[in-house]
Amino acid sequence: MRLLHERTYLAWWRTGLAGIAAGFGVGRVLPDVLGGTNWPYVALGTGLAAAGLASMVYGIVHYRELQAALREEREPQSSEGFLLALAAVGIAVGAASVLLVLLSP
């Protein structure tokens, strides 16, 4: 069971690192390549990087809760509110990405 938790923990970290890398690419690299107005790309990149950081933090907190629940032989506590908020940020960033693609010249 512990290896399953470690694999899930690492998946949250991979997701977080991907979000940070995508945020950097969209927020810093893409405006230089495309030229023109920068703020939409910077805002989108910031959202991606923030979601990546939140994923990493959630991975740590969730992993620690799972380990404590195993030690204490109890059910782990759920963090549904945080997961819903993270999903909402992901949906918002995805919708903003679609708008940027559709509205870009």
PDB file of N, CA and C in Angstrom:
ATOM      1  N   MET A   1       0.817  -1.190   0.000  1.00  0.00           N
ATOM      2  CA  MET A   1       0.000   0.000   0.000  1.00  0.00           C
ATOM      3  C   MET A   1       0.868   1.264   0.000  1.00  0.00           C
ATOM      4  N   ARG A   2       1.979   1.202   0.695  1.00  0.00           N
ATOM      5  CA  ARG A   2       2.847   2.380   0.754  1.00  0.00           C
ATOM      6  C   ARG A   2       3.413   2.745  -0.616  1.00  0.00           C
ATOM      7  N   LEU A   3       3.741   1.745  -1.409  1.00  0.00           N
ATOM      8  CA  LEU A   3       4.256   2.039  -2.751  1.00  0.00           C
ATOM      9  C   LEU A   3       3.194   2.689  -3.627  1.00  0.00           C
ATOM     10  N   LEU A   4       1.960   2.295  -3.450  1.00  0.00           N
ATOM     11  CA  LEU A   4       0.857   2.916  -4.177  1.00  0.00           C
ATOM     12  C   LEU A   4       0.766   4.394  -3.815  1.00  0.00           C
ATOM     13  N   HIS A   5       0.905   4.715  -2.547  1.00  0.00           N
ATOM     14  CA  HIS A   5       0.850   6.105  -2.099  1.00  0.00           C
ATOM     15  C   HIS A   5       2.034   6.895  -2.639  1.00  0.00           C
ATOM     16  N   GLU A   6       3.199   6.281  -2.662  1.00  0.00           N
ATOM     17  CA  GLU A   6       4.372   6.972  -3.192  1.00  0.00           C
ATOM     18  C   GLU A   6       4.225   7.248  -4.682  1.00  0.00           C
ATOM     19  N   ARG A   7       3.646   6.312  -5.401  1.00  0.00           N
ATOM     20  CA  ARG A   7       3.438   6.517  -6.834  1.00  0.00           C
ATOM     21  C   ARG A   7       2.453   7.661  -7.076  1.00  0.00           C
ATOM     22  N   THR A   8       1.403   7.724  -6.275  1.00  0.00           N
ATOM     23  CA  THR A   8       0.436   8.812  -6.397  1.00  0.00           C
ATOM     24  C   THR A   8       1.088  10.141  -6.043  1.00  0.00           C
ATOM     25  N   TYR A   9       1.906  10.145  -4.999  1.00  0.00           N
ATOM     26  CA  TYR A   9       2.632  11.351  -4.592  1.00  0.00           C
ATOM     27  C   TYR A   9       3.513  11.853  -5.727  1.00  0.00           C
ATOM     28  N   LEU A  10       4.231  10.947  -6.351  1.00  0.00           N
ATOM     29  CA  LEU A  10       5.097  11.338  -7.459  1.00  0.00           C
ATOM     30  C   LEU A  10       4.298  11.817  -8.662  1.00  0.00           C
ATOM     31  N   ALA A  11       3.108  11.268  -8.867  1.00  0.00           N
ATOM     32  CA  ALA A  11       2.253  11.738  -9.964  1.00  0.00           C
ATOM     33  C   ALA A  11       1.810  13.178  -9.723  1.00  0.00           C
ATOM     34  N   TRP A  12       1.499  13.529  -8.483  1.00  0.00           N
ATOM     35  CA  TRP A  12       1.149  14.919  -8.180  1.00  0.00           C
ATOM     36  C   TRP A  12       2.344  15.831  -8.445  1.00  0.00           C
ATOM     37  N   TRP A  13       3.541  15.371  -8.115  1.00  0.00           N
ATOM     38  CA  TRP A  13       4.731  16.173  -8.370  1.00  0.00           C
ATOM     39  C   TRP A  13       5.004  16.320  -9.867  1.00  0.00           C
ATOM     40  N   ARG A  14       4.827  15.250 -10.624  1.00  0.00           N
ATOM     41  CA  ARG A  14       5.004  15.356 -12.081  1.00  0.00           C
ATOM     42  C   ARG A  14       4.011  16.340 -12.681  1.00  0.00           C
ATOM     43  N   THR A  15       2.780  16.270 -12.212  1.00  0.00           N
ATOM     44  CA  THR A  15       1.763  17.200 -12.684  1.00  0.00           C
ATOM     45  C   THR A  15       2.144  18.633 -12.336  1.00  0.00           C
ATOM     46  N   GLY A  16       2.627  18.823 -11.128  1.00  0.00           N
ATOM     47  CA  GLY A  16       3.051  20.156 -10.707  1.00  0.00           C
ATOM     48  C   GLY A  16       4.208  20.689 -11.527  1.00  0.00           C
ATOM     49  N   LEU A  17       5.203  19.856 -11.759  1.00  0.00           N
ATOM     50  CA  LEU A  17       6.345  20.286 -12.571  1.00  0.00           C
ATOM     51  C   LEU A  17       5.929  20.604 -14.000  1.00  0.00           C
ATOM     52  N   ALA A  18       5.009  19.823 -14.547  1.00  0.00           N
ATOM     53  CA  ALA A  18       4.510  20.095 -15.898  1.00  0.00           C
ATOM     54  C   ALA A  18       3.759  21.425 -15.936  1.00  0.00           C
ATOM     55  N   GLY A  19       2.964  21.706 -14.908  1.00  0.00           N
ATOM     56  CA  GLY A  19       2.251  22.981 -14.846  1.00  0.00           C
ATOM     57  C   GLY A  19       3.197  24.163 -14.746  1.00  0.00           C
ATOM     58  N   ILE A  20       4.229  24.031 -13.956  1.00  0.00           N
ATOM     59  CA  ILE A  20       5.218  25.107 -13.820  1.00  0.00           C
ATOM     60  C   ILE A  20       5.964  25.313 -15.136  1.00  0.00           C
ATOM     61  N   ALA A  21       6.374  24.229 -15.777  1.00  0.00           N
ATOM     62  CA  ALA A  21       7.079  24.341 -17.059  1.00  0.00           C
ATOM     63  C   ALA A  21       6.181  24.956 -18.129  1.00  0.00           C
ATOM     64  N   ALA A  22       4.918  24.524 -18.172  1.00  0.00           N
ATOM     65  CA  ALA A  22       3.984  25.094 -19.145  1.00  0.00           C
ATOM     66  C   ALA A  22       3.738  26.563 -18.845  1.00  0.00           C
ATOM     67  N   GLY A  23       3.619  26.899 -17.574  1.00  0.00           N
ATOM     68  CA  GLY A  23       3.424  28.298 -17.192  1.00  0.00           C
ATOM     69  C   GLY A  23       4.588  29.167 -17.614  1.00  0.00           C
ATOM     70  N   PHE A  24       5.793  28.660 -17.449  1.00  0.00           N
ATOM     71  CA  PHE A  24       6.972  29.417 -17.877  1.00  0.00           C
ATOM     72  C   PHE A  24       6.969  29.590 -19.394  1.00  0.00           C
ATOM     73  N   GLY A  25       6.662  28.510 -20.098  1.00  0.00           N
ATOM     74  CA  GLY A  25       6.647  28.586 -21.560  1.00  0.00           C
ATOM     75  C   GLY A  25       5.608  29.555 -22.081  1.00  0.00           C
ATOM     76  N   VAL A  26       4.415  29.487 -21.518  1.00  0.00           N
ATOM     77  CA  VAL A  26       3.331  30.363 -21.982  1.00  0.00           C
ATOM     78  C   VAL A  26       3.550  31.798 -21.511  1.00  0.00           C
ATOM     79  N   GLY A  27       3.984  31.978 -20.283  1.00  0.00           N
ATOM     80  CA  GLY A  27       4.101  33.317 -19.719  1.00  0.00           C
ATOM     81  C   GLY A  27       5.356  34.073 -20.088  1.00  0.00           C
ATOM     82  N   ARG A  28       6.454  33.371 -20.362  1.00  0.00           N
ATOM     83  CA  ARG A  28       7.721  34.052 -20.640  1.00  0.00           C
ATOM     84  C   ARG A  28       8.226  33.857 -22.067  1.00  0.00           C
ATOM     85  N   VAL A  29       8.094  32.660 -22.588  1.00  0.00           N
ATOM     86  CA  VAL A  29       8.668  32.374 -23.908  1.00  0.00           C
ATOM     87  C   VAL A  29       7.709  32.772 -25.027  1.00  0.00           C
ATOM     88  N   LEU A  30       6.461  32.377 -24.913  1.00  0.00           N
ATOM     89  CA  LEU A  30       5.490  32.625 -25.973  1.00  0.00           C
ATOM     90  C   LEU A  30       5.299  34.101 -26.303  1.00  0.00           C
ATOM     91  N   PRO A  31       5.221  35.013 -25.322  1.00  0.00           N
ATOM     92  CA  PRO A  31       5.083  36.430 -25.690  1.00  0.00           C
ATOM     93  C   PRO A  31       6.257  36.946 -26.516  1.00  0.00           C
ATOM     94  N   ASP A  32       7.460  36.473 -26.236  1.00  0.00           N
ATOM     95  CA  ASP A  32       8.623  36.907 -27.018  1.00  0.00           C
ATOM     96  C   ASP A  32       8.559  36.379 -28.442  1.00  0.00           C
ATOM     97  N   VAL A  33       8.040  35.192 -28.612  1.00  0.00           N
ATOM     98  CA  VAL A  33       7.944  34.587 -29.948  1.00  0.00           C
ATOM     99  C   VAL A  33       6.844  35.256 -30.766  1.00  0.00           C
ATOM    100  N   LEU A  34       5.689  35.485 -30.136  1.00  0.00           N
ATOM    101  CA  LEU A  34       4.541  36.021 -30.862  1.00  0.00           C
ATOM    102  C   LEU A  34       4.564  37.532 -31.014  1.00  0.00           C
ATOM    103  N   GLY A  35       5.145  38.238 -30.060  1.00  0.00           N
ATOM    104  CA  GLY A  35       5.099  39.696 -30.092  1.00  0.00           C
ATOM    105  C   GLY A  35       3.691  40.172 -29.758  1.00  0.00           C
ATOM    106  N   GLY A  36       3.473  41.470 -29.808  1.00  0.00           N
ATOM    107  CA  GLY A  36       2.144  42.007 -29.535  1.00  0.00           C
ATOM    108  C   GLY A  36       1.859  42.112 -28.054  1.00  0.00           C
ATOM    109  N   THR A  37       0.598  41.946 -27.711  1.00  0.00           N
ATOM    110  CA  THR A  37       0.149  42.076 -26.329  1.00  0.00           C
ATOM    111  C   THR A  37       0.638  40.894 -25.486  1.00  0.00           C
ATOM    112  N   ASN A  38       1.263  41.213 -24.371  1.00  0.00           N
ATOM    113  CA  ASN A  38       1.847  40.170 -23.518  1.00  0.00           C
ATOM    114  C   ASN A  38       0.957  39.735 -22.375  1.00  0.00           C
ATOM    115  N   TRP A  39       0.117  40.622 -21.852  1.00  0.00           N
ATOM    116  CA  TRP A  39      -0.567  40.343 -20.585  1.00  0.00           C
ATOM    117  C   TRP A  39      -1.433  39.094 -20.606  1.00  0.00           C
ATOM    118  N   PRO A  40      -2.129  38.748 -21.714  1.00  0.00           N
ATOM    119  CA  PRO A  40      -2.923  37.516 -21.634  1.00  0.00           C
ATOM    120  C   PRO A  40      -2.058  36.269 -21.429  1.00  0.00           C
ATOM    121  N   TYR A  41      -0.894  36.259 -22.053  1.00  0.00           N
ATOM    122  CA  TYR A  41       0.001  35.109 -21.935  1.00  0.00           C
ATOM    123  C   TYR A  41       0.648  35.052 -20.553  1.00  0.00           C
ATOM    124  N   VAL A  42       0.991  36.214 -20.029  1.00  0.00           N
ATOM    125  CA  VAL A  42       1.563  36.263 -18.683  1.00  0.00           C
ATOM    126  C   VAL A  42       0.525  35.799 -17.660  1.00  0.00           C
ATOM    127  N   ALA A  43      -0.722  36.247 -17.813  1.00  0.00           N
ATOM    128  CA  ALA A  43      -1.786  35.826 -16.886  1.00  0.00           C
ATOM    129  C   ALA A  43      -2.030  34.322 -16.983  1.00  0.00           C
ATOM    130  N   LEU A  44      -2.092  33.802 -18.195  1.00  0.00           N
ATOM    131  CA  LEU A  44      -2.305  32.365 -18.377  1.00  0.00           C
ATOM    132  C   LEU A  44      -1.128  31.564 -17.831  1.00  0.00           C
ATOM    133  N   GLY A  45       0.084  32.027 -18.100  1.00  0.00           N
ATOM    134  CA  GLY A  45       1.268  31.343 -17.572  1.00  0.00           C
ATOM    135  C   GLY A  45       1.309  31.357 -16.060  1.00  0.00           C
ATOM    136  N   THR A  46       0.902  32.465 -15.467  1.00  0.00           N
ATOM    137  CA  THR A  46       0.848  32.555 -14.007  1.00  0.00           C
ATOM    138  C   THR A  46      -0.170  31.565 -13.444  1.00  0.00           C
ATOM    139  N   GLY A  47      -1.328  31.456 -14.102  1.00  0.00           N
ATOM    140  CA  GLY A  47      -2.341  30.497 -13.666  1.00  0.00           C
ATOM    141  C   GLY A  47      -1.847  29.064 -13.757  1.00  0.00           C
ATOM    142  N   LEU A  48      -1.163  28.745 -14.847  1.00  0.00           N
ATOM    143  CA  LEU A  48      -0.614  27.396 -15.000  1.00  0.00           C
ATOM    144  C   LEU A  48       0.432  27.083 -13.929  1.00  0.00           C
ATOM    145  N   ALA A  49       1.331  28.039 -13.708  1.00  0.00           N
ATOM    146  CA  ALA A  49       2.373  27.821 -12.699  1.00  0.00           C
ATOM    147  C   ALA A  49       1.772  27.716 -11.301  1.00  0.00           C
ATOM    148  N   ALA A  50       0.758  28.533 -11.003  1.00  0.00           N
ATOM    149  CA  ALA A  50       0.106  28.468  -9.694  1.00  0.00           C
ATOM    150  C   ALA A  50      -0.600  27.122  -9.506  1.00  0.00           C
ATOM    151  N   ALA A  51      -1.255  26.647 -10.552  1.00  0.00           N
ATOM    152  CA  ALA A  51      -1.905  25.338 -10.462  1.00  0.00           C
ATOM    153  C   ALA A  51      -0.864  24.243 -10.269  1.00  0.00           C
ATOM    154  N   GLY A  52       0.287  24.381 -10.917  1.00  0.00           N
ATOM    155  CA  GLY A  52       1.365  23.414 -10.730  1.00  0.00           C
ATOM    156  C   GLY A  52       1.876  23.402  -9.301  1.00  0.00           C
ATOM    157  N   LEU A  53       2.084  24.589  -8.748  1.00  0.00           N
ATOM    158  CA  LEU A  53       2.526  24.668  -7.353  1.00  0.00           C
ATOM    159  C   LEU A  53       1.476  24.093  -6.410  1.00  0.00           C
ATOM    160  N   ALA A  54       0.207  24.398  -6.661  1.00  0.00           N
ATOM    161  CA  ALA A  54      -0.865  23.864  -5.816  1.00  0.00           C
ATOM    162  C   ALA A  54      -0.900  22.339  -5.890  1.00  0.00           C
ATOM    163  N   SER A  55      -0.653  21.777  -7.062  1.00  0.00           N
ATOM    164  CA  SER A  55      -0.616  20.320  -7.212  1.00  0.00           C
ATOM    165  C   SER A  55       0.503  19.714  -6.383  1.00  0.00           C
ATOM    166  N   MET A  56       1.647  20.358  -6.388  1.00  0.00           N
ATOM    167  CA  MET A  56       2.768  19.843  -5.606  1.00  0.00           C
ATOM    168  C   MET A  56       2.477  19.913  -4.106  1.00  0.00           C
ATOM    169  N   VAL A  57       1.902  21.030  -3.670  1.00  0.00           N
ATOM    170  CA  VAL A  57       1.559  21.171  -2.251  1.00  0.00           C
ATOM    171  C   VAL A  57       0.517  20.131  -1.862  1.00  0.00           C
ATOM    172  N   TYR A  58      -0.505  19.954  -2.711  1.00  0.00           N
ATOM    173  CA  TYR A  58      -1.528  18.957  -2.404  1.00  0.00           C
ATOM    174  C   TYR A  58      -0.909  17.561  -2.335  1.00  0.00           C
ATOM    175  N   GLY A  59       0.005  17.264  -3.228  1.00  0.00           N
ATOM    176  CA  GLY A  59       0.656  15.953  -3.209  1.00  0.00           C
ATOM    177  C   GLY A  59       1.350  15.677  -1.890  1.00  0.00           C
ATOM    178  N   ILE A  60       2.035  16.695  -1.370  1.00  0.00           N
ATOM    179  CA  ILE A  60       2.735  16.535  -0.090  1.00  0.00           C
ATOM    180  C   ILE A  60       1.738  16.322   1.045  1.00  0.00           C
ATOM    181  N   VAL A  61       0.723  17.194   1.099  1.00  0.00           N
ATOM    182  CA  VAL A  61      -0.260  17.113   2.184  1.00  0.00           C
ATOM    183  C   VAL A  61      -1.010  15.785   2.129  1.00  0.00           C
ATOM    184  N   HIS A  62      -1.421  15.382   0.945  1.00  0.00           N
ATOM    185  CA  HIS A  62      -2.174  14.140   0.782  1.00  0.00           C
ATOM    186  C   HIS A  62      -1.315  12.921   1.151  1.00  0.00           C
ATOM    187  N   TYR A  63      -0.074  12.914   0.722  1.00  0.00           N
ATOM    188  CA  TYR A  63       0.824  11.811   1.041  1.00  0.00           C
ATOM    189  C   TYR A  63       1.015  11.682   2.557  1.00  0.00           C
ATOM    190  N   ARG A  64       1.228  12.809   3.210  1.00  0.00           N
ATOM    191  CA  ARG A  64       1.409  12.770   4.667  1.00  0.00           C
ATOM    192  C   ARG A  64       0.151  12.273   5.377  1.00  0.00           C
ATOM    193  N   GLU A  65      -1.026  12.687   4.889  1.00  0.00           N
ATOM    194  CA  GLU A  65      -2.276  12.225   5.489  1.00  0.00           C
ATOM    195  C   GLU A  65      -2.448  10.723   5.294  1.00  0.00           C
ATOM    196  N   LEU A  66      -2.126  10.232   4.107  1.00  0.00           N
ATOM    197  CA  LEU A  66      -2.244   8.794   3.850  1.00  0.00           C
ATOM    198  C   LEU A  66      -1.298   7.991   4.731  1.00  0.00           C
ATOM    199  N   GLN A  67      -0.084   8.474   4.888  1.00  0.00           N
ATOM    200  CA  GLN A  67       0.869   7.771   5.738  1.00  0.00           C
ATOM    201  C   GLN A  67       0.411   7.756   7.195  1.00  0.00           C
ATOM    202  N   ALA A  68      -0.106   8.878   7.674  1.00  0.00           N
ATOM    203  CA  ALA A  68      -0.604   8.935   9.047  1.00  0.00           C
ATOM    204  C   ALA A  68      -1.805   8.008   9.226  1.00  0.00           C
ATOM    205  N   ALA A  69      -2.685   7.959   8.246  1.00  0.00           N
ATOM    206  CA  ALA A  69      -3.852   7.077   8.332  1.00  0.00           C
ATOM    207  C   ALA A  69      -3.433   5.607   8.374  1.00  0.00           C
ATOM    208  N   LEU A  70      -2.414   5.260   7.595  1.00  0.00           N
ATOM    209  CA  LEU A  70      -1.913   3.879   7.635  1.00  0.00           C
ATOM    210  C   LEU A  70      -1.338   3.539   9.005  1.00  0.00           C
ATOM    211  N   ARG A  71      -0.535   4.448   9.568  1.00  0.00           N
ATOM    212  CA  ARG A  71       0.068   4.208  10.879  1.00  0.00           C
ATOM    213  C   ARG A  71      -0.997   4.062  11.964  1.00  0.00           C
ATOM    214  N   GLU A  72      -2.039   4.897  11.870  1.00  0.00           N
ATOM    215  CA  GLU A  72      -3.076   4.916  12.896  1.00  0.00           C
ATOM    216  C   GLU A  72      -4.234   3.969  12.585  1.00  0.00           C
ATOM    217  N   GLU A  73      -4.133   3.253  11.481  1.00  0.00           N
ATOM    218  CA  GLU A  73      -5.156   2.291  11.060  1.00  0.00           C
ATOM    219  C   GLU A  73      -6.546   2.922  11.018  1.00  0.00           C
ATOM    220  N   ARG A  74      -6.660   4.010  10.280  1.00  0.00           N
ATOM    221  CA  ARG A  74      -7.933   4.711  10.106  1.00  0.00           C
ATOM    222  C   ARG A  74      -8.091   5.098   8.642  1.00  0.00           C
ATOM    223  N   GLU A  75      -9.272   5.561   8.312  1.00  0.00           N
ATOM    224  CA  GLU A  75      -9.528   6.046   6.961  1.00  0.00           C
ATOM    225  C   GLU A  75      -8.901   7.431   6.798  1.00  0.00           C
ATOM    226  N   PRO A  76      -8.277   7.708   5.654  1.00  0.00           N
ATOM    227  CA  PRO A  76      -7.706   9.046   5.462  1.00  0.00           C
ATOM    228  C   PRO A  76      -8.798  10.097   5.307  1.00  0.00           C
ATOM    229  N   GLN A  77      -8.483  11.308   5.730  1.00  0.00           N
ATOM    230  CA  GLN A  77      -9.418  12.421   5.576  1.00  0.00           C
ATOM    231  C   GLN A  77      -9.436  12.861   4.122  1.00  0.00           C
ATOM    232  N   SER A  78     -10.587  13.300   3.674  1.00  0.00           N
ATOM    233  CA  SER A  78     -10.758  13.728   2.289  1.00  0.00           C
ATOM    234  C   SER A  78     -10.503  15.229   2.168  1.00  0.00           C
ATOM    235  N   SER A  79      -9.988  15.637   1.030  1.00  0.00           N
ATOM    236  CA  SER A  79      -9.742  17.050   0.737  1.00  0.00           C
ATOM    237  C   SER A  79     -10.528  17.456  -0.504  1.00  0.00           C
ATOM    238  N   GLU A  80     -11.808  17.132  -0.510  1.00  0.00           N
ATOM    239  CA  GLU A  80     -12.618  17.376  -1.695  1.00  0.00           C
ATOM    240  C   GLU A  80     -12.700  18.850  -2.064  1.00  0.00           C
ATOM    241  N   GLY A  81     -12.750  19.729  -1.080  1.00  0.00           N
ATOM    242  CA  GLY A  81     -12.834  21.168  -1.355  1.00  0.00           C
ATOM    243  C   GLY A  81     -11.623  21.663  -2.125  1.00  0.00           C
ATOM    244  N   PHE A  82     -10.444  21.238  -1.701  1.00  0.00           N
ATOM    245  CA  PHE A  82      -9.224  21.667  -2.386  1.00  0.00           C
ATOM    246  C   PHE A  82      -9.173  21.100  -3.795  1.00  0.00           C
ATOM    247  N   LEU A  83      -9.571  19.852  -3.940  1.00  0.00           N
ATOM    248  CA  LEU A  83      -9.567  19.236  -5.269  1.00  0.00           C
ATOM    249  C   LEU A  83     -10.555  19.920  -6.203  1.00  0.00           C
ATOM    250  N   LEU A  84     -11.708  20.306  -5.681  1.00  0.00           N
ATOM    251  CA  LEU A  84     -12.677  21.041  -6.500  1.00  0.00           C
ATOM    252  C   LEU A  84     -12.132  22.406  -6.908  1.00  0.00           C
ATOM    253  N   ALA A  85     -11.458  23.079  -5.989  1.00  0.00           N
ATOM    254  CA  ALA A  85     -10.858  24.376  -6.314  1.00  0.00           C
ATOM    255  C   ALA A  85      -9.765  24.215  -7.367  1.00  0.00           C
ATOM    256  N   LEU A  86      -8.950  23.182  -7.237  1.00  0.00           N
ATOM    257  CA  LEU A  86      -7.900  22.931  -8.220  1.00  0.00           C
ATOM    258  C   LEU A  86      -8.502  22.589  -9.579  1.00  0.00           C
ATOM    259  N   ALA A  87      -9.582  21.826  -9.582  1.00  0.00           N
ATOM    260  CA  ALA A  87     -10.268  21.516 -10.835  1.00  0.00           C
ATOM    261  C   ALA A  87     -10.849  22.776 -11.464  1.00  0.00           C
ATOM    262  N   ALA A  88     -11.398  23.664 -10.643  1.00  0.00           N
ATOM    263  CA  ALA A  88     -11.949  24.920 -11.157  1.00  0.00           C
ATOM    264  C   ALA A  88     -10.861  25.784 -11.787  1.00  0.00           C
ATOM    265  N   VAL A  89      -9.699  25.831 -11.152  1.00  0.00           N
ATOM    266  CA  VAL A  89      -8.576  26.579 -11.730  1.00  0.00           C
ATOM    267  C   VAL A  89      -8.156  25.943 -13.049  1.00  0.00           C
ATOM    268  N   GLY A  90      -8.092  24.627 -13.094  1.00  0.00           N
ATOM    269  CA  GLY A  90      -7.735  23.939 -14.334  1.00  0.00           C
ATOM    270  C   GLY A  90      -8.717  24.213 -15.453  1.00  0.00           C
ATOM    271  N   ILE A  91      -9.993  24.212 -15.128  1.00  0.00           N
ATOM    272  CA  ILE A  91     -11.016  24.503 -16.135  1.00  0.00           C
ATOM    273  C   ILE A  91     -10.899  25.945 -16.614  1.00  0.00           C
ATOM    274  N   ALA A  92     -10.674  26.869 -15.684  1.00  0.00           N
ATOM    275  CA  ALA A  92     -10.536  28.273 -16.059  1.00  0.00           C
ATOM    276  C   ALA A  92      -9.314  28.497 -16.950  1.00  0.00           C
ATOM    277  N   VAL A  93      -8.200  27.879 -16.604  1.00  0.00           N
ATOM    278  CA  VAL A  93      -6.989  28.012 -17.407  1.00  0.00           C
ATOM    279  C   VAL A  93      -7.195  27.373 -18.781  1.00  0.00           C
ATOM    280  N   GLY A  94      -7.857  26.231 -18.812  1.00  0.00           N
ATOM    281  CA  GLY A  94      -8.149  25.593 -20.097  1.00  0.00           C
ATOM    282  C   GLY A  94      -9.045  26.448 -20.974  1.00  0.00           C
ATOM    283  N   ALA A  95     -10.085  27.040 -20.382  1.00  0.00           N
ATOM    284  CA  ALA A  95     -10.982  27.915 -21.139  1.00  0.00           C
ATOM    285  C   ALA A  95     -10.239  29.149 -21.638  1.00  0.00           C
ATOM    286  N   ALA A  96      -9.372  29.717 -20.812  1.00  0.00           N
ATOM    287  CA  ALA A  96      -8.579  30.873 -21.242  1.00  0.00           C
ATOM    288  C   ALA A  96      -7.640  30.492 -22.386  1.00  0.00           C
ATOM    289  N   SER A  97      -7.099  29.289 -22.338  1.00  0.00           N
ATOM    290  CA  SER A  97      -6.224  28.828 -23.428  1.00  0.00           C
ATOM    291  C   SER A  97      -6.998  28.716 -24.731  1.00  0.00           C
ATOM    292  N   VAL A  98      -8.204  28.169 -24.660  1.00  0.00           N
ATOM    293  CA  VAL A  98      -9.028  28.059 -25.860  1.00  0.00           C
ATOM    294  C   VAL A  98      -9.337  29.448 -26.416  1.00  0.00           C
ATOM    295  N   LEU A  99      -9.685  30.384 -25.545  1.00  0.00           N
ATOM    296  CA  LEU A  99      -9.972  31.753 -25.994  1.00  0.00           C
ATOM    297  C   LEU A  99      -8.751  32.403 -26.643  1.00  0.00           C
ATOM    298  N   LEU A 100      -7.586  32.195 -26.049  1.00  0.00           N
ATOM    299  CA  LEU A 100      -6.365  32.771 -26.630  1.00  0.00           C
ATOM    300  C   LEU A 100      -6.093  32.200 -28.017  1.00  0.00           C
ATOM    301  N   VAL A 101      -6.317  30.926 -28.177  1.00  0.00           N
ATOM    302  CA  VAL A 101      -6.093  30.291 -29.488  1.00  0.00           C
ATOM    303  C   VAL A 101      -7.098  30.837 -30.505  1.00  0.00           C
ATOM    304  N   LEU A 102      -8.352  30.945 -30.105  1.00  0.00           N
ATOM    305  CA  LEU A 102      -9.379  31.409 -31.029  1.00  0.00           C
ATOM    306  C   LEU A 102      -9.249  32.888 -31.380  1.00  0.00           C
ATOM    307  N   LEU A 103      -8.804  33.701 -30.424  1.00  0.00           N
ATOM    308  CA  LEU A 103      -8.735  35.146 -30.632  1.00  0.00           C
ATOM    309  C   LEU A 103      -7.388  35.638 -31.132  1.00  0.00           C
ATOM    310  N   SER A 104      -6.390  34.785 -31.183  1.00  0.00           N
ATOM    311  CA  SER A 104      -5.067  35.194 -31.665  1.00  0.00           C
ATOM    312  C   SER A 104      -5.111  35.389 -33.181  1.00  0.00           C
ATOM    313  N   PRO A 105      -4.412  36.421 -33.636  1.00  0.00           N
ATOM    314  CA  PRO A 105      -4.398  36.677 -35.098  1.00  0.00           C
ATOM    315  C   PRO A 105      -3.684  35.618 -35.899  1.00  0.00           C
TER     316      PRO A 105
END
